[in-house]
C-alpha cells in the first residue's frame, strides 16, 4: 500500500472522528468553538509529529532497502565465487571418483559372471 494514501486515510479518519465527537457532545456554541480551537491546535501538533515520524520511517525504509540490496548483492557474489572455487577444487576428485566407480562396476560384473558360472 502506498504510504501517502495510508497517511491520508489516517488523517481523514481522525479528522472525521474528532468532528463527529465534537458535534455529538452536548455543549453551547461558545464551548463548542473553544473546543474546536483547542482540538485544532492539538491536531496540528499531532499532524506535525506524524509527518516527522512518517518521514523518519520513509528514510529508514529507504536506507534499509538500499543496505539490504548491497548485502544481498555481496552474498550472491560470494556464493558464486565459493561455488566456482569448490567446483574447481573438486574436478580432480571427480575424475578419481569416476574411475573408482568404473572399477567397482567392473568388479561387480566380474563377480556376477563368476557367480553365474558356478
N, C-alpha and C. Protein backbone atom coordinates (compact mmCIF):
# COMPACT_ATOMS: atom_id res chain seq x y z
N UNK A 1 0.86 -1.17 0.00
CA UNK A 1 0.00 0.00 0.00
C UNK A 1 0.90 1.22 0.00
N UNK A 2 0.49 2.22 -0.75
CA UNK A 2 1.24 3.45 -0.84
C UNK A 2 1.15 4.20 0.49
N UNK A 3 2.30 4.59 1.04
CA UNK A 3 2.37 5.27 2.34
C UNK A 3 1.60 6.59 2.30
N UNK A 4 1.59 7.25 1.17
CA UNK A 4 0.90 8.53 1.04
C UNK A 4 -0.60 8.35 1.27
N UNK A 5 -1.18 7.32 0.66
CA UNK A 5 -2.62 7.09 0.81
C UNK A 5 -2.97 6.61 2.21
N UNK A 6 -2.08 5.86 2.81
CA UNK A 6 -2.30 5.42 4.19
C UNK A 6 -2.33 6.63 5.12
N UNK A 7 -1.40 7.55 4.92
CA UNK A 7 -1.36 8.77 5.73
C UNK A 7 -2.63 9.58 5.54
N UNK A 8 -3.05 9.75 4.29
CA UNK A 8 -4.30 10.49 4.03
C UNK A 8 -5.48 9.82 4.71
N UNK A 9 -5.52 8.50 4.66
CA UNK A 9 -6.62 7.77 5.29
C UNK A 9 -6.65 7.97 6.79
N UNK A 10 -5.47 7.91 7.42
CA UNK A 10 -5.39 8.12 8.87
C UNK A 10 -5.83 9.53 9.22
N UNK A 11 -5.33 10.51 8.48
CA UNK A 11 -5.68 11.90 8.76
C UNK A 11 -7.17 12.15 8.57
N UNK A 12 -7.71 11.69 7.47
CA UNK A 12 -9.12 11.91 7.19
C UNK A 12 -10.00 11.22 8.24
N UNK A 13 -9.67 9.98 8.55
CA UNK A 13 -10.43 9.24 9.56
C UNK A 13 -10.37 9.92 10.92
N UNK A 14 -9.18 10.38 11.28
CA UNK A 14 -9.04 11.08 12.57
C UNK A 14 -9.82 12.37 12.61
N UNK A 15 -9.77 13.13 11.50
CA UNK A 15 -10.50 14.40 11.45
C UNK A 15 -12.00 14.16 11.53
N UNK A 16 -12.50 13.19 10.79
CA UNK A 16 -13.93 12.88 10.83
C UNK A 16 -14.34 12.44 12.24
N UNK A 17 -13.51 11.62 12.86
CA UNK A 17 -13.81 11.17 14.22
C UNK A 17 -13.84 12.32 15.21
N UNK A 18 -12.88 13.23 15.09
CA UNK A 18 -12.83 14.37 16.00
C UNK A 18 -14.03 15.29 15.80
N UNK A 19 -14.36 15.57 14.57
CA UNK A 19 -15.51 16.44 14.29
C UNK A 19 -16.80 15.80 14.78
N UNK A 20 -16.95 14.52 14.53
CA UNK A 20 -18.14 13.80 15.00
C UNK A 20 -18.25 13.86 16.52
N UNK A 21 -17.14 13.65 17.20
CA UNK A 21 -17.14 13.69 18.66
C UNK A 21 -17.50 15.08 19.17
N UNK A 22 -16.96 16.11 18.52
CA UNK A 22 -17.26 17.48 18.96
C UNK A 22 -18.73 17.84 18.77
N UNK A 23 -19.27 17.51 17.63
CA UNK A 23 -20.65 17.88 17.34
C UNK A 23 -21.68 17.00 18.04
N UNK A 24 -21.30 15.82 18.43
CA UNK A 24 -22.26 14.95 19.09
C UNK A 24 -22.30 15.19 20.60
N UNK A 25 -21.28 15.84 21.14
CA UNK A 25 -21.27 16.13 22.58
C UNK A 25 -22.15 17.35 22.86
N UNK A 26 -23.00 17.28 23.90
CA UNK A 26 -23.85 18.43 24.21
C UNK A 26 -23.03 19.56 24.81
N UNK A 27 -23.03 20.72 24.15
CA UNK A 27 -22.35 21.90 24.66
C UNK A 27 -22.89 23.13 23.96
N UNK A 28 -22.63 24.29 24.55
CA UNK A 28 -23.11 25.53 23.94
C UNK A 28 -22.24 25.90 22.76
N UNK A 29 -22.68 26.86 21.98
CA UNK A 29 -21.94 27.29 20.81
C UNK A 29 -20.56 27.82 21.17
N UNK A 30 -20.51 28.61 22.26
CA UNK A 30 -19.24 29.17 22.69
C UNK A 30 -18.28 28.06 23.14
N UNK A 31 -18.79 27.11 23.90
CA UNK A 31 -17.96 25.99 24.34
C UNK A 31 -17.49 25.17 23.14
N UNK A 32 -18.38 24.98 22.19
CA UNK A 32 -18.03 24.20 21.01
C UNK A 32 -16.91 24.88 20.23
N UNK A 33 -17.00 26.20 20.06
CA UNK A 33 -15.94 26.92 19.34
C UNK A 33 -14.62 26.83 20.09
N UNK A 34 -14.68 26.92 21.40
CA UNK A 34 -13.47 26.81 22.22
C UNK A 34 -12.86 25.42 22.08
N UNK A 35 -13.71 24.41 22.13
CA UNK A 35 -13.23 23.04 21.98
C UNK A 35 -12.62 22.82 20.60
N UNK A 36 -13.24 23.40 19.58
CA UNK A 36 -12.71 23.26 18.22
C UNK A 36 -11.33 23.90 18.12
N UNK A 37 -11.18 25.12 18.70
CA UNK A 37 -9.87 25.78 18.66
C UNK A 37 -8.82 24.94 19.38
N UNK A 38 -9.17 24.42 20.55
CA UNK A 38 -8.23 23.59 21.30
C UNK A 38 -7.89 22.31 20.54
N UNK A 39 -8.92 21.69 20.00
CA UNK A 39 -8.69 20.45 19.24
C UNK A 39 -7.86 20.73 17.99
N UNK A 40 -8.10 21.87 17.36
CA UNK A 40 -7.35 22.23 16.15
C UNK A 40 -5.87 22.31 16.47
N UNK A 41 -5.53 22.98 17.55
CA UNK A 41 -4.11 23.11 17.93
C UNK A 41 -3.51 21.75 18.23
N UNK A 42 -4.26 20.92 18.96
CA UNK A 42 -3.76 19.58 19.27
C UNK A 42 -3.58 18.76 18.00
N UNK A 43 -4.55 18.85 17.09
CA UNK A 43 -4.46 18.09 15.84
C UNK A 43 -3.30 18.59 14.98
N UNK A 44 -3.08 19.88 14.98
CA UNK A 44 -1.95 20.42 14.20
C UNK A 44 -0.63 19.89 14.75
N UNK A 45 -0.49 19.89 16.07
CA UNK A 45 0.73 19.35 16.68
C UNK A 45 0.86 17.85 16.37
N UNK A 46 -0.25 17.14 16.49
CA UNK A 46 -0.23 15.71 16.22
C UNK A 46 0.14 15.43 14.76
N UNK A 47 -0.42 16.24 13.84
CA UNK A 47 -0.11 16.04 12.42
C UNK A 47 1.36 16.35 12.12
N UNK A 48 1.89 17.37 12.77
CA UNK A 48 3.31 17.69 12.57
C UNK A 48 4.18 16.54 13.08
N UNK A 49 3.85 16.01 14.25
CA UNK A 49 4.60 14.87 14.78
C UNK A 49 4.47 13.66 13.87
N UNK A 50 3.26 13.41 13.39
CA UNK A 50 3.03 12.28 12.49
C UNK A 50 3.85 12.44 11.22
N UNK A 51 3.88 13.65 10.69
CA UNK A 51 4.65 13.92 9.48
C UNK A 51 6.13 13.65 9.71
N UNK A 52 6.65 14.08 10.86
CA UNK A 52 8.05 13.84 11.19
C UNK A 52 8.32 12.34 11.31
N UNK A 53 7.43 11.63 12.01
CA UNK A 53 7.62 10.18 12.18
C UNK A 53 7.53 9.44 10.85
N UNK A 54 6.60 9.85 10.00
CA UNK A 54 6.47 9.19 8.70
C UNK A 54 7.69 9.46 7.83
N UNK A 55 8.21 10.67 7.91
CA UNK A 55 9.42 10.99 7.15
C UNK A 55 10.59 10.15 7.65
N UNK A 56 10.72 10.04 8.98
CA UNK A 56 11.78 9.21 9.55
C UNK A 56 11.62 7.76 9.14
N UNK A 57 10.37 7.27 9.14
CA UNK A 57 10.10 5.89 8.72
C UNK A 57 10.48 5.69 7.26
N UNK A 58 10.11 6.63 6.42
CA UNK A 58 10.42 6.54 5.00
C UNK A 58 11.94 6.51 4.79
N UNK A 59 12.65 7.38 5.49
CA UNK A 59 14.11 7.42 5.38
C UNK A 59 14.71 6.10 5.85
N UNK A 60 14.20 5.59 6.95
CA UNK A 60 14.70 4.33 7.50
C UNK A 60 14.45 3.17 6.53
N UNK A 61 13.26 3.11 5.95
CA UNK A 61 12.93 2.04 5.00
C UNK A 61 13.82 2.15 3.76
N UNK A 62 14.04 3.36 3.28
CA UNK A 62 14.90 3.53 2.11
C UNK A 62 16.33 3.08 2.42
N UNK A 63 16.82 3.46 3.58
CA UNK A 63 18.18 3.08 3.98
C UNK A 63 18.29 1.57 4.13
N UNK A 64 17.30 0.98 4.78
CA UNK A 64 17.31 -0.46 4.99
C UNK A 64 17.23 -1.21 3.66
N UNK A 65 16.40 -0.73 2.76
CA UNK A 65 16.27 -1.35 1.44
C UNK A 65 17.59 -1.28 0.68
N UNK A 66 18.21 -0.12 0.69
CA UNK A 66 19.49 0.05 -0.01
C UNK A 66 20.55 -0.86 0.60
N UNK A 67 20.60 -0.88 1.92
CA UNK A 67 21.58 -1.72 2.61
C UNK A 67 21.31 -3.21 2.32
N UNK A 68 20.04 -3.60 2.32
CA UNK A 68 19.69 -4.98 2.03
C UNK A 68 20.10 -5.39 0.63
N UNK A 69 19.90 -4.51 -0.34
CA UNK A 69 20.30 -4.81 -1.71
C UNK A 69 21.81 -5.01 -1.81
N UNK A 70 22.56 -4.14 -1.11
CA UNK A 70 24.01 -4.25 -1.14
C UNK A 70 24.48 -5.57 -0.52
N UNK A 71 23.90 -5.90 0.63
CA UNK A 71 24.28 -7.14 1.31
C UNK A 71 23.92 -8.34 0.46
N UNK A 72 22.74 -8.33 -0.13
CA UNK A 72 22.31 -9.44 -0.98
C UNK A 72 23.21 -9.58 -2.20
N UNK A 73 23.59 -8.46 -2.78
CA UNK A 73 24.47 -8.50 -3.95
C UNK A 73 25.83 -9.09 -3.57
N UNK A 74 26.36 -8.67 -2.42
CA UNK A 74 27.64 -9.21 -1.96
C UNK A 74 27.52 -10.71 -1.68
N UNK A 75 26.43 -11.11 -1.06
CA UNK A 75 26.21 -12.52 -0.74
C UNK A 75 26.17 -13.36 -2.01
N UNK A 76 25.45 -12.89 -3.01
CA UNK A 76 25.36 -13.63 -4.27
C UNK A 76 26.74 -13.75 -4.92
N UNK A 77 27.49 -12.67 -4.92
CA UNK A 77 28.84 -12.69 -5.49
C UNK A 77 29.72 -13.68 -4.74
N UNK A 78 29.67 -13.63 -3.41
CA UNK A 78 30.47 -14.56 -2.59
C UNK A 78 30.08 -16.01 -2.84
N UNK A 79 28.77 -16.27 -2.93
CA UNK A 79 28.31 -17.64 -3.18
C UNK A 79 28.78 -18.15 -4.54
N UNK A 80 28.70 -17.29 -5.54
CA UNK A 80 29.17 -17.70 -6.88
C UNK A 80 30.66 -18.02 -6.85
N UNK A 81 31.44 -17.16 -6.19
CA UNK A 81 32.88 -17.41 -6.12
C UNK A 81 33.17 -18.71 -5.37
N UNK A 82 32.47 -18.91 -4.26
CA UNK A 82 32.68 -20.13 -3.47
C UNK A 82 32.32 -21.36 -4.29
N UNK A 83 31.21 -21.30 -5.02
CA UNK A 83 30.79 -22.44 -5.83
C UNK A 83 31.82 -22.74 -6.91
N UNK A 84 32.28 -21.69 -7.59
CA UNK A 84 33.27 -21.91 -8.66
C UNK A 84 34.58 -22.46 -8.09
N UNK A 85 34.98 -21.97 -6.92
CA UNK A 85 36.19 -22.47 -6.28
C UNK A 85 36.02 -23.94 -5.89
N UNK A 86 34.87 -24.26 -5.29
CA UNK A 86 34.61 -25.64 -4.90
C UNK A 86 34.61 -26.56 -6.12
N UNK A 87 33.96 -26.08 -7.17
CA UNK A 87 33.89 -26.87 -8.40
C UNK A 87 35.28 -27.12 -8.97
N UNK A 88 36.11 -26.10 -8.94
CA UNK A 88 37.48 -26.22 -9.44
C UNK A 88 38.28 -27.20 -8.58
N UNK A 89 38.11 -27.10 -7.26
CA UNK A 89 38.83 -28.00 -6.35
C UNK A 89 38.35 -29.44 -6.47
N UNK A 90 37.09 -29.64 -6.81
CA UNK A 90 36.53 -30.99 -6.89
C UNK A 90 36.79 -31.66 -8.22
N UNK A 91 37.20 -30.94 -9.22
CA UNK A 91 37.41 -31.51 -10.56
C UNK A 91 38.36 -32.70 -10.54
N UNK A 92 39.54 -32.60 -9.91
CA UNK A 92 40.42 -33.79 -9.88
C UNK A 92 39.78 -34.97 -9.14
N UNK A 93 39.06 -34.69 -8.10
CA UNK A 93 38.42 -35.76 -7.33
C UNK A 93 37.28 -36.40 -8.13
N UNK A 94 36.64 -35.59 -8.96
CA UNK A 94 35.56 -36.10 -9.79
C UNK A 94 36.08 -37.20 -10.72
N UNK A 95 37.21 -36.95 -11.34
CA UNK A 95 37.79 -37.94 -12.24
C UNK A 95 38.18 -39.21 -11.48
N UNK A 96 38.75 -39.03 -10.27
CA UNK A 96 39.11 -40.19 -9.45
C UNK A 96 37.86 -40.99 -9.08
N UNK A 97 36.81 -40.29 -8.68
CA UNK A 97 35.57 -40.97 -8.32
C UNK A 97 34.98 -41.73 -9.50
N UNK A 98 35.04 -41.14 -10.68
CA UNK A 98 34.54 -41.82 -11.87
C UNK A 98 35.34 -43.09 -12.14
N UNK A 99 36.64 -43.00 -11.98
CA UNK A 99 37.49 -44.17 -12.19
C UNK A 99 37.17 -45.26 -11.17
N UNK A 100 37.03 -44.86 -9.90
CA UNK A 100 36.73 -45.84 -8.86
C UNK A 100 35.36 -46.49 -9.08
N UNK A 101 34.37 -45.68 -9.51
CA UNK A 101 33.04 -46.23 -9.80
C UNK A 101 33.12 -47.21 -10.96
N UNK A 102 33.90 -46.87 -11.97
CA UNK A 102 34.06 -47.77 -13.12
C UNK A 102 34.73 -49.08 -12.68
N UNK A 103 35.73 -49.00 -11.81
CA UNK A 103 36.41 -50.20 -11.32
C UNK A 103 35.46 -51.05 -10.48
N UNK A 104 34.64 -50.40 -9.64
CA UNK A 104 33.66 -51.13 -8.82
C UNK A 104 32.64 -51.82 -9.73
N UNK A 105 32.19 -51.09 -10.75
CA UNK A 105 31.23 -51.65 -11.69
C UNK A 105 31.84 -52.87 -12.39
N UNK A 106 33.09 -52.72 -12.80
CA UNK A 106 33.78 -53.83 -13.47
C UNK A 106 33.91 -55.03 -12.53
N UNK A 107 34.29 -54.76 -11.28
CA UNK A 107 34.46 -55.84 -10.29
C UNK A 107 33.11 -56.53 -10.04
N UNK A 108 32.03 -55.78 -9.96
CA UNK A 108 30.71 -56.37 -9.75
C UNK A 108 30.29 -57.22 -10.95
N UNK A 109 30.59 -56.75 -12.13
CA UNK A 109 30.26 -57.51 -13.34
C UNK A 109 31.03 -58.83 -13.34
N UNK A 110 32.32 -58.76 -13.03
CA UNK A 110 33.12 -59.98 -12.99
C UNK A 110 32.60 -60.95 -11.92
N UNK A 111 32.24 -60.39 -10.77
CA UNK A 111 31.71 -61.21 -9.68
C UNK A 111 30.40 -61.87 -10.09
N UNK A 112 29.53 -61.14 -10.76
CA UNK A 112 28.27 -61.70 -11.26
C UNK A 112 28.53 -62.85 -12.23
N UNK A 113 29.49 -62.62 -13.12
CA UNK A 113 29.82 -63.65 -14.11
C UNK A 113 30.35 -64.90 -13.42
N UNK A 114 31.21 -64.72 -12.41
CA UNK A 114 31.75 -65.88 -11.68
C UNK A 114 30.65 -66.61 -10.94
N UNK A 115 29.72 -65.85 -10.36
CA UNK A 115 28.61 -66.47 -9.64
C UNK A 115 27.67 -67.19 -10.59
N UNK A 116 27.45 -66.65 -11.75
CA UNK A 116 26.59 -67.29 -12.74
C UNK A 116 27.22 -68.56 -13.30
N UNK A 117 28.56 -68.64 -13.40
CA UNK A 117 29.25 -69.81 -13.93
C UNK A 117 29.45 -70.89 -12.86
N UNK A 118 29.22 -70.54 -11.64
CA UNK A 118 29.44 -71.51 -10.57
C UNK A 118 28.33 -72.47 -10.40
